[in-house]
Amino acid sequence: MTKIGIIGGSGLDDPQILKDARDELVTTHWGEPSSALRHGTIEGVACVLLARHGREHTLPPTQVPNRANIQALLDAGCTHLLATTAVGSLRNKIARGDLVIVDQFIDFTRFRKTSFHDHFEPGQPAHTPMADPFSAELRASLIASARALKIKHHAKGTVVTIEGPRFSTRAESKMFRSWGADIINMSIAPECALANEAGIPYAAVAMSTDYDCWKDDEEPVTWDQILAIFGQNVEKVVQLLIATIARLRDA
């Protein structure tokens, strides 16, 4: 049976999109997840919502317990994971409010736990393939739903995930552009890597809220700017999630 885990990012930590919602406090082998799990249904599909940074956004990026988050959703029986995130744009073509269906990541974090394997069993190394880390099936459903809803989106994009909580320097922002990154955030890469290691399909919807700091004719990004743009456009993300979940139900 299909069961969708939704990992809500900045600006989408506690959406009222679940029917018959109930909260469950859980713990895992890796400790407690970022928030209580909120169980409910969307378009008749069982879903579980987890707030990546906590319901009141109290967890800085480095402190997000990604292993516990993925494990908690696995333990809850989730068969697919959909994540949302606010991102900075590293390309002129990706405007504020645009959605990006991410297809690749660059992990520039330094202190995150990005594997469930703290050690290998003798003679049993575990090296997870990561060439195409985002689920092709989930990405196709997101893209088809965005097209049907006529939501402006980019069907692919490479996200570079930085450690945070500080924003980039201009030199870093321009370096990431030269590497081929299209968008920048502080969360997706470790989360996606863990989902792949756990064998659960994962896809991410990124909303562009700013231009980081690479543009000389733009003010550098601020937290207030991120929240303002996300708040103006969050309904697009909610509608895309609902439509995609309905599409997965009918697949």
C-alpha atoms as a PDB file:
ATOM      1  CA  MET A   1       0.000   0.000   0.000  1.00  0.00           C
ATOM      2  CA  THR A   2       1.284   3.441  -0.912  1.00  0.00           C
ATOM      3  CA  LYS A   3       2.119   5.667   2.039  1.00  0.00           C
ATOM      4  CA  ILE A   4       3.761   9.034   1.462  1.00  0.00           C
ATOM      5  CA  GLY A   5       6.193  10.659   3.841  1.00  0.00           C
ATOM      6  CA  ILE A   6       6.337  14.445   3.455  1.00  0.00           C
ATOM      7  CA  ILE A   7       9.345  16.282   4.832  1.00  0.00           C
ATOM      8  CA  GLY A   8       8.398  19.933   5.170  1.00  0.00           C
ATOM      9  CA  GLY A   9      11.101  22.560   4.825  1.00  0.00           C
ATOM     10  CA  SER A  10      11.328  26.272   5.541  1.00  0.00           C
ATOM     11  CA  GLY A  11       7.895  27.892   5.292  1.00  0.00           C
ATOM     12  CA  LEU A  12       6.028  24.575   4.997  1.00  0.00           C
ATOM     13  CA  ASP A  13       6.655  23.124   8.437  1.00  0.00           C
ATOM     14  CA  ASP A  14       3.034  22.692   9.477  1.00  0.00           C
ATOM     15  CA  PRO A  15       0.612  22.825   6.525  1.00  0.00           C
ATOM     16  CA  GLN A  16      -3.065  22.103   7.101  1.00  0.00           C
ATOM     17  CA  ILE A  17      -3.349  19.703   4.195  1.00  0.00           C
ATOM     18  CA  LEU A  18      -3.896  16.446   6.066  1.00  0.00           C
ATOM     19  CA  LYS A  19      -7.376  15.089   6.737  1.00  0.00           C
ATOM     20  CA  ASP A  20      -8.065  13.258  10.011  1.00  0.00           C
ATOM     21  CA  ALA A  21      -4.693  14.437  11.299  1.00  0.00           C
ATOM     22  CA  ARG A  22      -3.193  13.004  14.462  1.00  0.00           C
ATOM     23  CA  ASP A  23       0.241  13.439  15.994  1.00  0.00           C
ATOM     24  CA  GLU A  24       2.517  10.649  17.186  1.00  0.00           C
ATOM     25  CA  LEU A  25       5.664  11.097  19.254  1.00  0.00           C
ATOM     26  CA  VAL A  26       8.243   8.493  18.248  1.00  0.00           C
ATOM     27  CA  THR A  27      11.863   7.618  18.811  1.00  0.00           C
ATOM     28  CA  THR A  28      14.281   5.562  16.735  1.00  0.00           C
ATOM     29  CA  HIS A  29      17.603   3.762  17.015  1.00  0.00           C
ATOM     30  CA  TRP A  30      19.128   7.111  15.991  1.00  0.00           C
ATOM     31  CA  GLY A  31      17.199   9.162  18.537  1.00  0.00           C
ATOM     32  CA  GLU A  32      14.168  11.383  18.179  1.00  0.00           C
ATOM     33  CA  PRO A  33      13.190  12.900  14.813  1.00  0.00           C
ATOM     34  CA  SER A  34      12.840  16.639  14.297  1.00  0.00           C
ATOM     35  CA  SER A  35       9.153  16.661  15.190  1.00  0.00           C
ATOM     36  CA  ALA A  36       6.214  14.490  16.052  1.00  0.00           C
ATOM     37  CA  LEU A  37       4.891  12.568  13.070  1.00  0.00           C
ATOM     38  CA  ARG A  38       1.589  13.926  11.809  1.00  0.00           C
ATOM     39  CA  HIS A  39      -0.495  11.110  10.301  1.00  0.00           C
ATOM     40  CA  GLY A  40      -3.466  11.700   8.025  1.00  0.00           C
ATOM     41  CA  THR A  41      -4.663  11.376   4.452  1.00  0.00           C
ATOM     42  CA  ILE A  42      -4.356  13.453   1.289  1.00  0.00           C
ATOM     43  CA  GLU A  43      -6.649  12.541  -1.603  1.00  0.00           C
ATOM     44  CA  GLY A  44      -7.380   9.261   0.171  1.00  0.00           C
ATOM     45  CA  VAL A  45      -3.690   8.328   0.443  1.00  0.00           C
ATOM     46  CA  ALA A  46      -2.115   7.698   3.844  1.00  0.00           C
ATOM     47  CA  CYS A  47       0.545  10.347   4.510  1.00  0.00           C
ATOM     48  CA  VAL A  48       2.949  11.215   7.306  1.00  0.00           C
ATOM     49  CA  LEU A  49       4.275  14.742   7.709  1.00  0.00           C
ATOM     50  CA  LEU A  50       7.553  15.547   9.450  1.00  0.00           C
ATOM     51  CA  ALA A  51       8.798  19.112  10.050  1.00  0.00           C
ATOM     52  CA  ARG A  52      12.492  19.074   9.116  1.00  0.00           C
ATOM     53  CA  HIS A  53      13.516  21.941  11.399  1.00  0.00           C
ATOM     54  CA  GLY A  54      10.854  21.313  14.047  1.00  0.00           C
ATOM     55  CA  ARG A  55       7.346  22.748  14.138  1.00  0.00           C
ATOM     56  CA  GLU A  56       8.689  26.137  15.245  1.00  0.00           C
ATOM     57  CA  HIS A  57      11.887  25.994  13.182  1.00  0.00           C
ATOM     58  CA  THR A  58      14.146  25.604  16.218  1.00  0.00           C
ATOM     59  CA  LEU A  59      16.704  23.235  14.657  1.00  0.00           C
ATOM     60  CA  PRO A  60      19.620  24.777  12.713  1.00  0.00           C
ATOM     61  CA  PRO A  61      20.582  22.816   9.588  1.00  0.00           C
ATOM     62  CA  THR A  62      23.577  21.091  11.197  1.00  0.00           C
ATOM     63  CA  GLN A  63      21.414  19.864  14.080  1.00  0.00           C
ATOM     64  CA  VAL A  64      18.641  18.314  11.968  1.00  0.00           C
ATOM     65  CA  PRO A  65      18.645  14.589  12.912  1.00  0.00           C
ATOM     66  CA  ASN A  66      18.459  13.287   9.366  1.00  0.00           C
ATOM     67  CA  ARG A  67      19.086   9.657  10.269  1.00  0.00           C
ATOM     68  CA  ALA A  68      16.307   9.703  12.852  1.00  0.00           C
ATOM     69  CA  ASN A  69      13.975  11.504  10.432  1.00  0.00           C
ATOM     70  CA  ILE A  70      14.391   8.977   7.625  1.00  0.00           C
ATOM     71  CA  GLN A  71      14.247   6.059  10.045  1.00  0.00           C
ATOM     72  CA  ALA A  72      11.055   7.362  11.674  1.00  0.00           C
ATOM     73  CA  LEU A  73       9.329   7.631   8.298  1.00  0.00           C
ATOM     74  CA  LEU A  74      10.512   4.143   7.352  1.00  0.00           C
ATOM     75  CA  ASP A  75       9.264   2.763  10.666  1.00  0.00           C
ATOM     76  CA  ALA A  76       5.902   4.459  10.013  1.00  0.00           C
ATOM     77  CA  GLY A  77       5.592   2.405   6.820  1.00  0.00           C
ATOM     78  CA  CYS A  78       6.254   5.143   4.264  1.00  0.00           C
ATOM     79  CA  THR A  79       6.895   3.813   0.765  1.00  0.00           C
ATOM     80  CA  HIS A  80       7.834   7.143  -0.876  1.00  0.00           C
ATOM     81  CA  LEU A  81       9.278  10.432   0.380  1.00  0.00           C
ATOM     82  CA  LEU A  82       8.471  13.899  -0.949  1.00  0.00           C
ATOM     83  CA  ALA A  83      10.495  16.804   0.417  1.00  0.00           C
ATOM     84  CA  THR A  84      10.025  20.554   0.147  1.00  0.00           C
ATOM     85  CA  THR A  85      12.730  23.155   0.512  1.00  0.00           C
ATOM     86  CA  ALA A  86      13.419  26.830   0.014  1.00  0.00           C
ATOM     87  CA  VAL A  87      16.462  27.495  -2.169  1.00  0.00           C
ATOM     88  CA  GLY A  88      18.523  30.315  -3.534  1.00  0.00           C
ATOM     89  CA  SER A  89      18.776  30.568  -7.305  1.00  0.00           C
ATOM     90  CA  LEU A  90      22.205  30.446  -8.938  1.00  0.00           C
ATOM     91  CA  ARG A  91      20.783  31.047 -12.441  1.00  0.00           C
ATOM     92  CA  ASN A  92      19.047  34.037 -14.005  1.00  0.00           C
ATOM     93  CA  LYS A  93      16.446  31.730 -15.564  1.00  0.00           C
ATOM     94  CA  ILE A  94      15.273  30.494 -12.143  1.00  0.00           C
ATOM     95  CA  ALA A  95      13.250  33.410 -10.823  1.00  0.00           C
ATOM     96  CA  ARG A  96      11.868  34.054  -7.366  1.00  0.00           C
ATOM     97  CA  GLY A  97       8.836  31.847  -6.803  1.00  0.00           C
ATOM     98  CA  ASP A  98       9.829  29.307  -9.462  1.00  0.00           C
ATOM     99  CA  LEU A  99       9.740  25.628  -8.535  1.00  0.00           C
ATOM    100  CA  VAL A 100      12.575  23.249  -9.370  1.00  0.00           C
ATOM    101  CA  ILE A 101      12.178  19.460  -9.504  1.00  0.00           C
ATOM    102  CA  VAL A 102      15.694  18.580  -8.384  1.00  0.00           C
ATOM    103  CA  ASP A 103      17.577  15.819 -10.199  1.00  0.00           C
ATOM    104  CA  GLN A 104      21.136  16.062  -8.822  1.00  0.00           C
ATOM    105  CA  PHE A 105      22.927  17.264  -5.712  1.00  0.00           C
ATOM    106  CA  ILE A 106      26.384  18.435  -4.669  1.00  0.00           C
ATOM    107  CA  ASP A 107      27.047  17.820  -0.988  1.00  0.00           C
ATOM    108  CA  PHE A 108      29.111  20.678   0.448  1.00  0.00           C
ATOM    109  CA  THR A 109      28.166  19.954   4.052  1.00  0.00           C
ATOM    110  CA  ARG A 110      30.891  19.197   6.590  1.00  0.00           C
ATOM    111  CA  PHE A 111      29.370  17.912   9.806  1.00  0.00           C
ATOM    112  CA  ARG A 112      26.277  15.899   8.816  1.00  0.00           C
ATOM    113  CA  LYS A 113      25.715  12.194   9.256  1.00  0.00           C
ATOM    114  CA  THR A 114      25.090  11.049   5.685  1.00  0.00           C
ATOM    115  CA  SER A 115      25.129   7.278   6.209  1.00  0.00           C
ATOM    116  CA  PHE A 116      23.443   4.746   8.462  1.00  0.00           C
ATOM    117  CA  HIS A 117      26.713   2.789   8.496  1.00  0.00           C
ATOM    118  CA  ASP A 118      28.985   3.858  11.333  1.00  0.00           C
ATOM    119  CA  HIS A 119      31.000   0.718  10.624  1.00  0.00           C
ATOM    120  CA  PHE A 120      30.966  -2.191   8.166  1.00  0.00           C
ATOM    121  CA  GLU A 121      30.574  -5.829   9.049  1.00  0.00           C
ATOM    122  CA  PRO A 122      33.740  -7.823   8.262  1.00  0.00           C
ATOM    123  CA  GLY A 123      33.978  -8.311   4.520  1.00  0.00           C
ATOM    124  CA  GLN A 124      30.667  -6.490   3.909  1.00  0.00           C
ATOM    125  CA  PRO A 125      31.345  -2.899   2.866  1.00  0.00           C
ATOM    126  CA  ALA A 126      28.225  -0.928   1.944  1.00  0.00           C
ATOM    127  CA  HIS A 127      28.740   1.660  -0.787  1.00  0.00           C
ATOM    128  CA  THR A 128      25.402   2.928  -2.078  1.00  0.00           C
ATOM    129  CA  PRO A 129      25.178   3.905  -5.784  1.00  0.00           C
ATOM    130  CA  MET A 130      24.260   7.584  -6.026  1.00  0.00           C
ATOM    131  CA  ALA A 131      24.545   8.464  -9.727  1.00  0.00           C
ATOM    132  CA  ASP A 132      20.880   9.499  -9.977  1.00  0.00           C
ATOM    133  CA  PRO A 133      19.809  10.096  -6.387  1.00  0.00           C
ATOM    134  CA  PHE A 134      16.283  11.410  -6.944  1.00  0.00           C
ATOM    135  CA  SER A 135      13.519   8.951  -7.856  1.00  0.00           C
ATOM    136  CA  ALA A 136      12.700   9.080 -11.578  1.00  0.00           C
ATOM    137  CA  GLU A 137       9.134   7.909 -10.865  1.00  0.00           C
ATOM    138  CA  LEU A 138       8.462  10.590  -8.272  1.00  0.00           C
ATOM    139  CA  ARG A 139      10.110  13.294 -10.366  1.00  0.00           C
ATOM    140  CA  ALA A 140       7.977  12.342 -13.371  1.00  0.00           C
ATOM    141  CA  SER A 141       4.821  12.573 -11.234  1.00  0.00           C
ATOM    142  CA  LEU A 142       5.835  15.977  -9.886  1.00  0.00           C
ATOM    143  CA  ILE A 143       6.636  17.305 -13.363  1.00  0.00           C
ATOM    144  CA  ALA A 144       3.387  15.983 -14.851  1.00  0.00           C
ATOM    145  CA  SER A 145       1.398  17.518 -12.007  1.00  0.00           C
ATOM    146  CA  ALA A 146       3.164  20.881 -12.328  1.00  0.00           C
ATOM    147  CA  ARG A 147       2.396  20.920 -16.058  1.00  0.00           C
ATOM    148  CA  ALA A 148      -1.249  20.032 -15.462  1.00  0.00           C
ATOM    149  CA  LEU A 149      -1.555  22.807 -12.865  1.00  0.00           C
ATOM    150  CA  LYS A 150       0.309  25.255 -15.131  1.00  0.00           C
ATOM    151  CA  ILE A 151       2.781  26.010 -12.352  1.00  0.00           C
ATOM    152  CA  LYS A 152       6.019  27.575 -13.551  1.00  0.00           C
ATOM    153  CA  HIS A 153       8.734  25.036 -12.880  1.00  0.00           C
ATOM    154  CA  HIS A 154      12.077  23.721 -14.038  1.00  0.00           C
ATOM    155  CA  ALA A 155      12.062  19.995 -14.771  1.00  0.00           C
ATOM    156  CA  LYS A 156      15.591  19.501 -13.502  1.00  0.00           C
ATOM    157  CA  GLY A 157      18.273  21.262 -11.515  1.00  0.00           C
ATOM    158  CA  THR A 158      21.347  20.584  -9.438  1.00  0.00           C
ATOM    159  CA  VAL A 159      21.232  21.689  -5.801  1.00  0.00           C
ATOM    160  CA  VAL A 160      24.354  22.361  -3.788  1.00  0.00           C
ATOM    161  CA  THR A 161      23.758  21.821  -0.084  1.00  0.00           C
ATOM    162  CA  ILE A 162      25.941  23.894   2.239  1.00  0.00           C
ATOM    163  CA  GLU A 163      26.485  23.452   5.947  1.00  0.00           C
ATOM    164  CA  GLY A 164      24.901  26.674   7.157  1.00  0.00           C
ATOM    165  CA  PRO A 165      23.468  28.276   9.112  1.00  0.00           C
ATOM    166  CA  ARG A 166      25.335  31.182   7.540  1.00  0.00           C
ATOM    167  CA  PHE A 167      24.709  32.119   3.936  1.00  0.00           C
ATOM    168  CA  SER A 168      27.432  31.974   1.275  1.00  0.00           C
ATOM    169  CA  THR A 169      30.127  34.508   0.577  1.00  0.00           C
ATOM    170  CA  ARG A 170      30.122  36.009  -2.907  1.00  0.00           C
ATOM    171  CA  ALA A 171      33.207  33.962  -3.757  1.00  0.00           C
ATOM    172  CA  GLU A 172      31.464  30.737  -2.679  1.00  0.00           C
ATOM    173  CA  SER A 173      28.270  31.588  -4.540  1.00  0.00           C
ATOM    174  CA  LYS A 174      30.191  32.222  -7.766  1.00  0.00           C
ATOM    175  CA  MET A 175      32.217  29.034  -7.235  1.00  0.00           C
ATOM    176  CA  PHE A 176      29.033  26.961  -6.906  1.00  0.00           C
ATOM    177  CA  ARG A 177      27.811  28.420 -10.201  1.00  0.00           C
ATOM    178  CA  SER A 178      31.065  27.398 -11.862  1.00  0.00           C
ATOM    179  CA  TRP A 179      30.577  23.862 -10.532  1.00  0.00           C
ATOM    180  CA  GLY A 180      27.258  23.588 -12.362  1.00  0.00           C
ATOM    181  CA  ALA A 181      24.942  24.071  -9.402  1.00  0.00           C
ATOM    182  CA  ASP A 182      21.609  25.720 -10.240  1.00  0.00           C
ATOM    183  CA  ILE A 183      20.205  26.249  -6.753  1.00  0.00           C
ATOM    184  CA  ILE A 184      21.536  26.289  -3.189  1.00  0.00           C
ATOM    185  CA  ASN A 185      20.156  25.195   0.175  1.00  0.00           C
ATOM    186  CA  MET A 186      21.146  23.707   3.539  1.00  0.00           C
ATOM    187  CA  SER A 187      19.209  20.448   3.745  1.00  0.00           C
ATOM    188  CA  ILE A 188      18.566  18.239   0.742  1.00  0.00           C
ATOM    189  CA  ALA A 189      21.815  16.364   0.004  1.00  0.00           C
ATOM    190  CA  PRO A 190      22.253  14.482   3.332  1.00  0.00           C
ATOM    191  CA  GLU A 191      18.546  13.683   3.484  1.00  0.00           C
ATOM    192  CA  CYS A 192      18.502  12.343  -0.067  1.00  0.00           C
ATOM    193  CA  ALA A 193      21.659  10.276   0.464  1.00  0.00           C
ATOM    194  CA  LEU A 194      20.151   8.606   3.525  1.00  0.00           C
ATOM    195  CA  ALA A 195      16.885   7.873   1.731  1.00  0.00           C
ATOM    196  CA  ASN A 196      18.838   6.193  -1.070  1.00  0.00           C
ATOM    197  CA  GLU A 197      20.828   4.155   1.417  1.00  0.00           C
ATOM    198  CA  ALA A 198      17.579   3.074   3.063  1.00  0.00           C
ATOM    199  CA  GLY A 199      16.119   2.109  -0.324  1.00  0.00           C
ATOM    200  CA  ILE A 200      13.131   4.468  -0.236  1.00  0.00           C
ATOM    201  CA  PRO A 201      12.256   6.571  -3.327  1.00  0.00           C
ATOM    202  CA  TYR A 202      12.845  10.277  -2.644  1.00  0.00           C
ATOM    203  CA  ALA A 203      12.146  13.471  -4.584  1.00  0.00           C
ATOM    204  CA  ALA A 204      12.321  17.146  -3.701  1.00  0.00           C
ATOM    205  CA  VAL A 205      10.374  20.234  -4.725  1.00  0.00           C
ATOM    206  CA  ALA A 206      12.525  23.333  -4.361  1.00  0.00           C
ATOM    207  CA  MET A 207      11.135  26.872  -4.368  1.00  0.00           C
ATOM    208  CA  SER A 208      13.477  29.660  -5.383  1.00  0.00           C
ATOM    209  CA  THR A 209      13.216  32.568  -2.941  1.00  0.00           C
ATOM    210  CA  ASP A 210      16.319  34.646  -3.724  1.00  0.00           C
ATOM    211  CA  TYR A 211      19.550  34.897  -5.735  1.00  0.00           C
ATOM    212  CA  ASP A 212      21.954  34.027  -2.903  1.00  0.00           C
ATOM    213  CA  CYS A 213      24.687  36.664  -3.341  1.00  0.00           C
ATOM    214  CA  TRP A 214      26.309  36.050  -6.736  1.00  0.00           C
ATOM    215  CA  LYS A 215      24.433  38.848  -8.520  1.00  0.00           C
ATOM    216  CA  ASP A 216      26.137  42.214  -8.217  1.00  0.00           C
ATOM    217  CA  ASP A 217      22.891  44.049  -8.963  1.00  0.00           C
ATOM    218  CA  GLU A 218      20.912  42.303  -6.191  1.00  0.00           C
ATOM    219  CA  GLU A 219      20.983  42.656  -2.431  1.00  0.00           C
ATOM    220  CA  PRO A 220      22.373  39.533  -0.701  1.00  0.00           C
ATOM    221  CA  VAL A 221      19.855  37.035   0.620  1.00  0.00           C
ATOM    222  CA  THR A 222      18.279  37.510   4.058  1.00  0.00           C
ATOM    223  CA  TRP A 223      16.090  35.188   6.140  1.00  0.00           C
ATOM    224  CA  ASP A 224      13.191  37.661   6.050  1.00  0.00           C
ATOM    225  CA  GLN A 225      13.379  37.687   2.250  1.00  0.00           C
ATOM    226  CA  ILE A 226      13.182  33.889   2.130  1.00  0.00           C
ATOM    227  CA  LEU A 227      10.111  33.761   4.359  1.00  0.00           C
ATOM    228  CA  ALA A 228       8.349  36.533   2.461  1.00  0.00           C
ATOM    229  CA  ILE A 229       8.769  34.929  -0.966  1.00  0.00           C
ATOM    230  CA  PHE A 230       7.953  31.440   0.300  1.00  0.00           C
ATOM    231  CA  GLY A 231       4.838  32.717   2.024  1.00  0.00           C
ATOM    232  CA  GLN A 232       3.655  34.365  -1.199  1.00  0.00           C
ATOM    233  CA  ASN A 233       4.100  31.142  -3.169  1.00  0.00           C
ATOM    234  CA  VAL A 234       3.580  28.310  -0.689  1.00  0.00           C
ATOM    235  CA  GLU A 235       0.121  27.509  -2.043  1.00  0.00           C
ATOM    236  CA  LYS A 236       1.744  26.371  -5.302  1.00  0.00           C
ATOM    237  CA  VAL A 237       3.798  23.826  -3.380  1.00  0.00           C
ATOM    238  CA  VAL A 238       0.766  22.581  -1.466  1.00  0.00           C
ATOM    239  CA  GLN A 239      -1.277  22.180  -4.651  1.00  0.00           C
ATOM    240  CA  LEU A 240       1.602  20.388  -6.352  1.00  0.00           C
ATOM    241  CA  LEU A 241       1.939  17.949  -3.463  1.00  0.00           C
ATOM    242  CA  ILE A 242      -1.798  17.219  -3.452  1.00  0.00           C
ATOM    243  CA  ALA A 243      -1.907  16.646  -7.211  1.00  0.00           C
ATOM    244  CA  THR A 244       1.201  14.474  -7.174  1.00  0.00           C
ATOM    245  CA  ILE A 245      -0.100  12.306  -4.354  1.00  0.00           C
ATOM    246  CA  ALA A 246      -3.373  11.820  -6.243  1.00  0.00           C
ATOM    247  CA  ARG A 247      -1.357  10.836  -9.327  1.00  0.00           C
ATOM    248  CA  LEU A 248       0.630   8.282  -7.314  1.00  0.00           C
ATOM    249  CA  ARG A 249      -2.632   6.894  -5.937  1.00  0.00           C
ATOM    250  CA  ASP A 250      -3.957   6.314  -9.424  1.00  0.00           C
ATOM    251  CA  ALA A 251      -0.728   4.933 -10.882  1.00  0.00           C
END
